[in-house]
Amino acid sequence: MDSESSATDSTETASERLDVGFLPVEVPGLDGTGATYTAALLIRELSKHHDVTVYVVSQRTADRSQLPATDRVDYVVRDDLPKLPHPLLTKIDVVDDLTDRLERHDLVHSYSTGFIEPLSTLSTPTLVTLNSYQPVCPKGDMMWMDREKCGGSGRAKCAACIAGSAYTRKSGVETTLRSSYDSLAKLEFVQDSIAAREGISAYHLLSPHQRDDYAEFGFPEERLKVIPHFDSGEFAVSNPEAYKRGGDPEVGRDDDDPFTLLAVGAFKYVKGFQVLLRALPSILDAGYDVRVRIAGAGPHGDALRSLSSDLGVDDHVDWLGFVDHDDLPAEYAAADAFVYPGLLDEPFGRVFLEALASGTPVLSSDVGSTDFIVGDAGVRFESDDPESLAHAFGELRDDYERYQAATSEQLARFSREQVVSEFRALYADVHAGRSPTERTETFETERTVVRSD
């Protein structure tokens, strides 16, 4: 079957209403990771086209008043689960007990990466979203010793990496022990997930680089389909220029005002905030007046604040602490640029869409598929290289209007309509037993974004 006729067939079949079993990562509607948030968005959108039963399997308490949709959506709730011997392993046991019920659906879609092994035995078509590296890496980041990208797993290798990373992070005894226990308990889980990979009908990936990573781990390439996150519209502001110009859209940006950078994320070593802080002296020495606003919290926070003091840049840094999701749009919109200094290849990074939706260009480390997401609306720099970040800042600052003007066009590539349409076609392909890669790949072509050399 050629790709053109396959695309036509999938579009026509996508109108069929299916009975879908959906397993989110966590209780949809509660605060959590980007995967939790996106799962709630998908439930709302896909329930407009399919009958959806959501299987909530969680150690948290599910408040039905906060669940994201009720029209054509049923909920099967298994909450308040014990955390021991391990939260993920407890959830897998519950999904094992639900397999007879899951068999009744036309299609089962797990937005959690944790359920490859129990779902691999189902006779009904299955789709698993790989929104993390959990099935192939006990730490979930594919970073060997937190220093470089890992090229493959194995029990002994993974155990050594867990121990070495715990030493590198120096996050305190309690945090280190908790993190190490969590990772060590997943050693067998990773091996089980890899062994069961052929039993899943198709996999949904968030970005091209993530698809390539999983292909290298032996996941069947013809079953790997890239569909990114979509713009939820929640971070859009009516006039971002008004925010960036102090509330007056008629007044141009005053170059005497500091150029504001916003960074958002958990305070972990691999998030790279230390790289941003180390770049500040070079940026200031180059004559730029800059202010960095950092929103987040976590175990690496004390070390970051100490580093800021040691570098003498405290007067240029605002520590915002944890910022509620509802308050983030204004922070993005008020910033002149968003900066992501992370060291690891995030599967996607919803923060980039949040920045673009606010009319805010991006400075990003050259990891993962940041070129695919940011496009012409930003500048990349070498990961873990403060001088490269400082140089990239200069490029963006000196040609700021051009990068900012590109934000709306780049964001349009991730429209809700396009992404939901791709999911409907993917569901149709999986249900019909077609390979999802037979169709033209809408999101496969990576865009080129300027990188500072």
Protein backbone atom coordinates (compact mmCIF):
# COMPACT_ATOMS: atom_id res chain seq x y z
CA MET A 1 0.00 0.00 0.00
CA ASP A 2 1.49 3.37 -0.98
CA SER A 3 1.63 6.19 1.60
CA GLU A 4 -0.85 8.39 -0.27
CA SER A 5 -3.63 5.78 -0.42
CA SER A 6 -2.88 4.73 3.16
CA ALA A 7 -3.24 8.32 4.36
CA THR A 8 -6.60 8.57 2.57
CA ASP A 9 -7.83 5.31 4.07
CA SER A 10 -6.76 6.38 7.57
CA THR A 11 -8.49 9.74 7.25
CA GLU A 12 -11.73 8.09 6.18
CA THR A 13 -11.58 5.44 8.91
CA ALA A 14 -10.71 8.00 11.59
CA SER A 15 -14.38 9.02 11.71
CA GLU A 16 -15.33 5.60 13.19
CA ARG A 17 -16.25 5.82 16.86
CA LEU A 18 -14.28 3.30 18.90
CA ASP A 19 -14.61 1.93 22.41
CA VAL A 20 -11.25 2.93 23.93
CA GLY A 21 -9.67 1.92 27.22
CA PHE A 22 -7.29 4.68 28.35
CA LEU A 23 -4.68 4.42 31.12
CA PRO A 24 -3.21 7.78 32.18
CA VAL A 25 0.06 8.18 34.06
CA GLU A 26 -1.66 9.57 37.13
CA VAL A 27 -5.03 10.86 38.28
CA PRO A 28 -6.01 13.21 35.43
CA GLY A 29 -6.87 16.68 36.64
CA LEU A 30 -4.46 16.68 39.59
CA ASP A 31 -1.22 18.62 39.61
CA GLY A 32 1.66 16.59 38.27
CA THR A 33 4.06 16.15 35.41
CA GLY A 34 3.58 17.24 31.83
CA ALA A 35 2.42 13.70 31.02
CA THR A 36 -0.36 13.98 33.62
CA TYR A 37 -1.42 17.32 32.20
CA THR A 38 -1.35 16.17 28.58
CA ALA A 39 -3.30 12.99 29.37
CA ALA A 40 -6.12 15.13 30.76
CA LEU A 41 -6.12 17.23 27.58
CA LEU A 42 -6.26 14.10 25.42
CA ILE A 43 -9.16 12.65 27.39
CA ARG A 44 -11.14 15.84 26.77
CA GLU A 45 -10.36 15.92 23.06
CA LEU A 46 -10.53 12.23 22.16
CA SER A 47 -13.80 11.71 24.06
CA LYS A 48 -15.41 14.00 21.46
CA HIS A 49 -14.77 11.28 18.87
CA HIS A 50 -14.67 8.00 20.83
CA ASP A 51 -16.27 6.33 23.83
CA VAL A 52 -13.53 6.33 26.46
CA THR A 53 -13.13 4.38 29.67
CA VAL A 54 -10.34 5.86 31.80
CA TYR A 55 -8.60 3.46 34.18
CA VAL A 56 -7.16 5.48 37.05
CA VAL A 57 -4.47 3.50 38.86
CA SER A 58 -2.75 5.60 41.49
CA GLN A 59 -1.40 5.96 45.01
CA ARG A 60 -3.14 9.34 45.11
CA THR A 61 -6.81 9.99 45.84
CA ALA A 62 -8.99 10.60 42.79
CA ASP A 63 -11.41 13.48 43.29
CA ARG A 64 -14.19 12.87 40.76
CA SER A 65 -15.05 16.57 40.72
CA GLN A 66 -11.62 17.26 39.18
CA LEU A 67 -11.70 14.59 36.48
CA PRO A 68 -11.38 16.25 33.06
CA ALA A 69 -14.45 14.96 31.14
CA THR A 70 -17.72 13.15 31.75
CA ASP A 71 -19.51 13.13 28.38
CA ARG A 72 -18.96 9.67 26.84
CA VAL A 73 -16.27 9.02 29.47
CA ASP A 74 -16.46 6.38 32.19
CA TYR A 75 -13.95 6.08 35.01
CA VAL A 76 -12.69 2.92 36.68
CA VAL A 77 -10.79 4.07 39.75
CA ARG A 78 -8.22 2.13 41.72
CA ASP A 79 -6.73 4.83 43.95
CA ASP A 80 -5.08 5.09 47.37
CA LEU A 81 -2.84 2.16 46.45
CA PRO A 82 0.05 1.24 48.75
CA LYS A 83 3.48 2.62 47.85
CA LEU A 84 5.34 -0.47 48.98
CA PRO A 85 7.12 -2.51 47.82
CA HIS A 86 7.29 0.07 44.99
CA PRO A 87 4.64 2.45 43.57
CA LEU A 88 5.11 1.42 39.93
CA LEU A 89 5.19 -2.31 40.65
CA THR A 90 1.99 -1.99 42.69
CA LYS A 91 0.28 -0.28 39.74
CA ILE A 92 1.42 -3.02 37.37
CA ASP A 93 -0.17 -5.64 39.63
CA VAL A 94 -3.49 -3.75 39.46
CA VAL A 95 -3.35 -3.50 35.66
CA ASP A 96 -2.66 -7.24 35.56
CA ASP A 97 -5.91 -7.76 37.47
CA LEU A 98 -7.79 -5.52 34.98
CA THR A 99 -6.71 -7.36 31.81
CA ASP A 100 -10.00 -9.27 31.40
CA ARG A 101 -11.88 -5.98 31.43
CA LEU A 102 -9.39 -4.29 29.09
CA GLU A 103 -9.92 -7.09 26.57
CA ARG A 104 -13.49 -5.86 25.98
CA HIS A 105 -12.41 -2.60 24.32
CA ASP A 106 -11.78 -2.00 20.62
CA LEU A 107 -8.41 -0.48 21.52
CA VAL A 108 -6.39 0.09 24.69
CA HIS A 109 -4.15 3.18 24.91
CA SER A 110 -1.76 3.51 27.82
CA TYR A 111 -0.40 7.03 28.27
CA SER A 112 1.83 5.51 30.95
CA THR A 113 5.08 3.86 29.91
CA GLY A 114 4.81 1.52 32.89
CA PHE A 115 2.35 -0.97 31.45
CA ILE A 116 4.10 -2.47 28.41
CA GLU A 117 4.51 -5.90 30.04
CA PRO A 118 0.91 -6.40 31.30
CA LEU A 119 -0.63 -5.03 28.09
CA SER A 120 1.59 -7.13 25.82
CA THR A 121 -0.56 -10.20 26.52
CA LEU A 122 -3.86 -8.63 25.39
CA SER A 123 -5.53 -9.84 22.20
CA THR A 124 -7.14 -6.43 21.64
CA PRO A 125 -5.04 -3.80 19.74
CA THR A 126 -2.77 -1.81 22.03
CA LEU A 127 -1.04 1.57 21.86
CA VAL A 128 1.54 2.76 24.39
CA THR A 129 2.73 6.35 24.65
CA LEU A 130 6.46 6.50 25.35
CA ASN A 131 6.53 9.88 27.09
CA SER A 132 9.61 9.00 29.14
CA TYR A 133 12.61 6.68 29.03
CA GLN A 134 11.38 4.64 31.99
CA PRO A 135 10.99 1.34 30.03
CA VAL A 136 14.66 1.35 29.00
CA CYS A 137 16.35 3.23 31.87
CA PRO A 138 15.72 2.70 35.62
CA LYS A 139 16.60 6.36 36.28
CA GLY A 140 14.34 7.46 33.43
CA ASP A 141 16.85 9.88 31.87
CA MET A 142 19.22 7.75 29.73
CA MET A 143 22.18 9.65 31.21
CA TRP A 144 25.22 7.49 32.02
CA MET A 145 26.46 8.67 35.43
CA ASP A 146 24.53 11.91 34.79
CA ARG A 147 27.34 12.93 32.38
CA GLU A 148 26.59 11.57 28.90
CA LYS A 149 23.87 9.85 26.96
CA CYS A 150 23.61 6.13 27.63
CA GLY A 151 23.90 3.71 24.73
CA GLY A 152 22.26 0.61 26.20
CA SER A 153 20.97 -1.06 29.33
CA GLY A 154 21.96 -4.10 31.37
CA ARG A 155 21.46 -5.03 35.03
CA ALA A 156 25.09 -4.57 36.08
CA LYS A 157 25.60 -1.46 33.99
CA CYS A 158 22.39 0.16 35.25
CA ALA A 159 23.21 -0.65 38.89
CA ALA A 160 26.64 0.96 38.53
CA CYS A 161 25.08 4.04 36.90
CA ILE A 162 22.52 4.41 39.69
CA ALA A 163 25.25 4.34 42.33
CA GLY A 164 27.52 6.71 40.40
CA SER A 165 24.74 9.19 39.72
CA ALA A 166 23.73 9.25 43.36
CA TYR A 167 27.29 10.25 44.27
CA THR A 168 27.47 12.91 41.52
CA ARG A 169 24.22 14.62 42.49
CA LYS A 170 25.09 15.13 46.20
CA SER A 171 21.42 15.85 46.98
CA GLY A 172 21.51 14.82 50.64
CA VAL A 173 21.28 11.42 52.28
CA GLU A 174 17.48 11.11 52.40
CA THR A 175 16.93 12.21 48.79
CA THR A 176 19.80 10.04 47.55
CA LEU A 177 18.50 6.93 49.33
CA ARG A 178 14.96 7.47 48.09
CA SER A 179 16.09 8.04 44.49
CA SER A 180 18.46 5.06 44.53
CA TYR A 181 15.80 2.73 45.93
CA ASP A 182 13.31 3.88 43.31
CA SER A 183 15.79 3.24 40.48
CA LEU A 184 17.15 -0.07 41.77
CA ALA A 185 13.62 -1.43 42.16
CA LYS A 186 13.07 -0.80 38.43
CA LEU A 187 15.98 -2.93 37.20
CA GLU A 188 13.76 -5.96 36.64
CA PHE A 189 10.95 -3.75 35.31
CA VAL A 190 13.22 -2.43 32.54
CA GLN A 191 14.23 -5.93 31.48
CA ASP A 192 10.57 -7.05 31.48
CA SER A 193 9.49 -4.03 29.40
CA ILE A 194 12.20 -4.58 26.79
CA ALA A 195 11.40 -8.30 26.59
CA ALA A 196 7.68 -7.53 26.04
CA ARG A 197 8.13 -4.77 23.46
CA GLU A 198 7.01 -6.90 20.49
CA GLY A 199 3.65 -7.57 22.14
CA ILE A 200 2.39 -3.98 21.72
CA SER A 201 0.61 -3.07 18.45
CA ALA A 202 2.06 0.47 18.16
CA TYR A 203 3.97 3.10 20.08
CA HIS A 204 3.38 6.84 20.23
CA LEU A 205 6.51 9.00 20.55
CA LEU A 206 6.65 12.74 21.25
CA SER A 207 9.59 13.73 19.04
CA PRO A 208 11.88 12.43 16.27
CA HIS A 209 14.94 11.95 18.49
CA GLN A 210 12.89 9.91 20.96
CA ARG A 211 11.70 7.66 18.14
CA ASP A 212 15.32 7.11 17.09
CA ASP A 213 16.37 6.34 20.68
CA TYR A 214 13.72 3.66 21.10
CA ALA A 215 14.55 2.17 17.70
CA GLU A 216 18.13 1.75 18.92
CA PHE A 217 16.79 -0.19 21.91
CA GLY A 218 15.14 -2.64 19.54
CA PHE A 219 11.59 -1.32 19.53
CA PRO A 220 10.07 -2.12 16.10
CA GLU A 221 10.57 0.95 13.89
CA GLU A 222 7.46 0.35 11.80
CA ARG A 223 5.34 0.67 14.96
CA LEU A 224 6.86 3.96 16.17
CA LYS A 225 4.73 7.02 15.41
CA VAL A 226 5.69 10.62 16.27
CA ILE A 227 2.89 12.92 17.44
CA PRO A 228 4.02 15.87 19.61
CA HIS A 229 2.23 17.69 22.40
CA PHE A 230 -0.24 20.29 21.19
CA ASP A 231 -0.76 23.91 22.10
CA SER A 232 -3.45 23.87 24.77
CA GLY A 233 -4.19 27.59 24.39
CA GLU A 234 -3.85 28.10 28.16
CA PHE A 235 -0.61 30.06 27.84
CA ALA A 236 -1.78 32.39 25.10
CA VAL A 237 -2.09 36.05 26.01
CA SER A 238 -4.03 38.59 23.99
CA ASN A 239 -1.10 40.96 23.62
CA PRO A 240 2.29 39.58 24.67
CA GLU A 241 3.95 42.80 23.57
CA ALA A 242 2.02 44.63 26.26
CA TYR A 243 3.54 42.36 28.89
CA LYS A 244 7.06 42.75 27.57
CA ARG A 245 6.71 46.52 27.37
CA GLY A 246 5.52 47.07 30.90
CA GLY A 247 1.83 47.09 30.02
CA ASP A 248 1.93 49.75 27.31
CA PRO A 249 1.88 48.26 23.77
CA GLU A 250 2.41 51.73 22.25
CA VAL A 251 5.81 52.08 23.86
CA GLY A 252 8.80 50.24 22.38
CA ARG A 253 11.05 48.22 24.61
CA ASP A 254 13.35 50.49 26.59
CA ASP A 255 16.88 49.23 26.13
CA ASP A 256 17.71 50.69 29.52
CA ASP A 257 15.53 48.00 31.11
CA PRO A 258 17.20 44.69 31.96
CA PHE A 259 16.64 41.91 29.45
CA THR A 260 14.64 39.28 31.34
CA LEU A 261 15.30 35.56 31.06
CA LEU A 262 12.85 33.04 32.55
CA ALA A 263 13.84 29.49 33.53
CA VAL A 264 11.27 26.98 34.79
CA GLY A 265 11.73 23.48 36.17
CA ALA A 266 12.60 21.18 39.04
CA PHE A 267 15.89 21.90 40.78
CA LYS A 268 17.79 18.81 39.68
CA TYR A 269 21.35 18.62 38.44
CA VAL A 270 20.28 17.34 35.00
CA LYS A 271 18.02 20.39 34.49
CA GLY A 272 21.21 22.46 34.08
CA PHE A 273 20.37 25.57 36.09
CA GLN A 274 24.01 25.63 37.21
CA VAL A 275 25.01 26.13 33.55
CA LEU A 276 22.76 29.18 33.31
CA LEU A 277 24.22 30.69 36.48
CA ARG A 278 27.79 30.08 35.30
CA ALA A 279 27.00 31.84 32.02
CA LEU A 280 25.84 35.02 33.75
CA PRO A 281 29.29 36.52 34.47
CA SER A 282 30.23 36.30 30.76
CA ILE A 283 26.89 37.83 29.73
CA LEU A 284 27.38 40.71 32.17
CA ASP A 285 31.03 41.17 31.16
CA ALA A 286 29.87 41.55 27.54
CA GLY A 287 27.91 44.62 28.59
CA TYR A 288 24.40 43.16 28.64
CA ASP A 289 22.04 44.13 31.43
CA VAL A 290 20.18 40.93 32.23
CA ARG A 291 17.83 39.68 34.91
CA VAL A 292 17.17 35.97 35.42
CA ARG A 293 13.93 34.80 36.99
CA ILE A 294 14.00 31.15 38.09
CA ALA A 295 10.74 29.36 38.91
CA GLY A 296 11.08 25.99 40.58
CA ALA A 297 12.04 23.98 43.63
CA GLY A 298 13.82 20.75 44.43
CA PRO A 299 16.76 19.00 46.09
CA HIS A 300 19.44 20.92 44.17
CA GLY A 301 18.10 24.32 45.28
CA ASP A 302 20.57 25.04 48.09
CA ALA A 303 23.53 24.19 45.86
CA LEU A 304 22.23 26.53 43.14
CA ARG A 305 21.78 29.44 45.55
CA SER A 306 25.28 28.90 46.92
CA LEU A 307 26.65 28.88 43.38
CA SER A 308 24.88 32.14 42.61
CA SER A 309 26.51 33.76 45.64
CA ASP A 310 29.95 32.35 44.82
CA LEU A 311 29.71 33.73 41.27
CA GLY A 312 28.66 37.16 42.54
CA VAL A 313 25.47 37.28 40.44
CA ASP A 314 22.85 37.35 43.23
CA ASP A 315 21.80 40.90 42.27
CA HIS A 316 20.76 39.64 38.84
CA VAL A 317 18.76 36.57 39.92
CA ASP A 318 15.21 36.34 41.26
CA TRP A 319 14.31 33.04 42.93
CA LEU A 320 10.56 32.70 42.49
CA GLY A 321 10.15 29.35 44.23
CA PHE A 322 7.38 27.04 43.07
CA VAL A 323 4.97 28.91 40.77
CA ASP A 324 1.42 27.59 40.39
CA HIS A 325 0.51 26.45 36.89
CA ASP A 326 -2.21 29.12 36.65
CA ASP A 327 0.33 31.86 37.32
CA LEU A 328 2.92 30.73 34.77
CA PRO A 329 1.40 32.32 31.62
CA ALA A 330 2.01 35.82 32.95
CA GLU A 331 5.61 34.89 33.85
CA TYR A 332 6.28 33.58 30.34
CA ALA A 333 4.65 36.58 28.69
CA ALA A 334 6.55 39.12 30.81
CA ALA A 335 9.93 37.50 30.06
CA ASP A 336 11.93 38.64 27.06
CA ALA A 337 13.17 35.08 26.49
CA PHE A 338 12.78 31.63 27.95
CA VAL A 339 15.93 29.62 28.66
CA TYR A 340 16.24 25.84 28.91
CA PRO A 341 19.77 24.82 30.01
CA GLY A 342 18.98 21.11 30.50
CA LEU A 343 21.61 18.38 30.10
CA LEU A 344 19.36 15.51 29.09
CA ASP A 345 17.23 14.71 26.06
CA GLU A 346 13.71 15.42 27.24
CA PRO A 347 11.11 13.40 25.29
CA PHE A 348 9.54 16.70 24.24
CA GLY A 349 9.42 19.56 26.74
CA ARG A 350 6.00 21.21 27.01
CA VAL A 351 7.72 24.31 28.42
CA PHE A 352 8.80 25.24 24.88
CA LEU A 353 5.19 25.40 23.67
CA GLU A 354 4.29 27.42 26.75
CA ALA A 355 6.99 29.95 25.88
CA LEU A 356 6.02 30.15 22.19
CA ALA A 357 2.35 30.58 23.10
CA SER A 358 3.35 33.60 25.16
CA GLY A 359 5.25 35.18 22.27
CA THR A 360 8.54 34.45 24.00
CA PRO A 361 11.58 33.24 21.99
CA VAL A 362 13.80 30.50 23.38
CA LEU A 363 17.41 29.89 24.35
CA SER A 364 17.92 26.15 24.57
CA SER A 365 20.70 23.64 25.00
CA ASP A 366 21.29 21.53 21.91
CA VAL A 367 19.69 18.33 23.20
CA GLY A 368 16.93 16.06 21.96
CA SER A 369 14.58 17.59 19.41
CA THR A 370 14.78 21.21 20.49
CA ASP A 371 15.36 22.18 16.86
CA PHE A 372 12.14 20.38 15.89
CA ILE A 373 10.13 22.22 18.56
CA VAL A 374 11.66 25.70 18.62
CA GLY A 375 12.48 26.14 14.93
CA ASP A 376 13.35 29.71 13.94
CA ALA A 377 12.03 31.11 17.21
CA GLY A 378 15.22 30.63 19.17
CA VAL A 379 18.94 29.95 19.43
CA ARG A 380 20.57 26.76 20.66
CA PHE A 381 23.84 26.34 22.53
CA GLU A 382 26.11 23.44 23.40
CA SER A 383 24.83 21.48 26.38
CA ASP A 384 26.71 21.97 29.67
CA ASP A 385 28.74 24.85 28.18
CA PRO A 386 28.25 28.22 29.93
CA GLU A 387 30.31 30.11 27.34
CA SER A 388 28.19 28.70 24.51
CA LEU A 389 25.06 29.79 26.37
CA ALA A 390 26.48 33.30 26.85
CA HIS A 391 27.33 33.56 23.14
CA ALA A 392 23.86 32.32 22.15
CA PHE A 393 22.30 34.93 24.43
CA GLY A 394 24.20 37.64 22.56
CA GLU A 395 22.91 36.36 19.20
CA LEU A 396 19.31 36.32 20.38
CA ARG A 397 19.54 39.69 22.13
CA ASP A 398 21.15 41.43 19.14
CA ASP A 399 18.50 40.21 16.69
CA TYR A 400 15.64 39.91 19.15
CA GLU A 401 12.76 41.15 16.98
CA ARG A 402 13.40 38.48 14.34
CA TYR A 403 13.31 35.61 16.82
CA GLN A 404 10.25 36.94 18.58
CA ALA A 405 8.39 37.40 15.29
CA ALA A 406 8.89 33.69 14.51
CA THR A 407 7.11 32.43 17.66
CA SER A 408 3.55 32.45 16.30
CA GLU A 409 4.41 30.64 13.06
CA GLN A 410 6.39 27.98 14.91
CA LEU A 411 3.60 27.45 17.44
CA ALA A 412 1.09 26.89 14.62
CA ARG A 413 2.88 23.62 13.77
CA PHE A 414 1.54 22.18 17.04
CA SER A 415 -2.10 23.15 16.76
CA ARG A 416 -4.71 21.22 18.69
CA GLU A 417 -6.63 20.40 15.50
CA GLN A 418 -3.61 18.90 13.74
CA VAL A 419 -2.46 16.82 16.68
CA VAL A 420 -5.94 15.47 17.51
CA SER A 421 -6.42 14.60 13.84
CA GLU A 422 -3.16 12.62 13.94
CA PHE A 423 -4.28 10.76 17.06
CA ARG A 424 -7.61 9.85 15.46
CA ALA A 425 -5.79 8.49 12.41
CA LEU A 426 -3.37 6.59 14.66
CA TYR A 427 -6.27 5.00 16.56
CA ALA A 428 -7.82 3.96 13.23
CA ASP A 429 -4.53 2.43 12.05
CA VAL A 430 -3.95 0.51 15.28
CA HIS A 431 -7.53 -0.77 15.38
CA ALA A 432 -7.32 -1.91 11.75
CA GLY A 433 -3.93 -3.58 12.22
CA ARG A 434 -2.11 -1.16 9.92
CA SER A 435 1.41 0.05 10.52
CA PRO A 436 1.18 3.72 11.57
CA THR A 437 4.35 4.54 9.60
CA GLU A 438 2.70 3.59 6.28
CA ARG A 439 1.13 7.03 6.20
CA THR A 440 2.95 10.27 5.45
CA GLU A 441 4.68 11.41 8.62
CA THR A 442 3.35 14.89 9.37
CA PHE A 443 5.72 15.53 12.26
CA GLU A 444 8.81 13.66 11.09
CA THR A 445 10.71 16.52 9.44
CA GLU A 446 12.89 18.35 11.91
CA ARG A 447 13.25 22.09 11.59
CA THR A 448 16.61 23.82 11.74
CA VAL A 449 17.10 26.37 14.49
CA VAL A 450 20.14 28.59 14.82
CA ARG A 451 22.82 27.11 17.03
CA SER A 452 25.54 29.25 18.52
CA ASP A 453 28.98 27.83 17.71
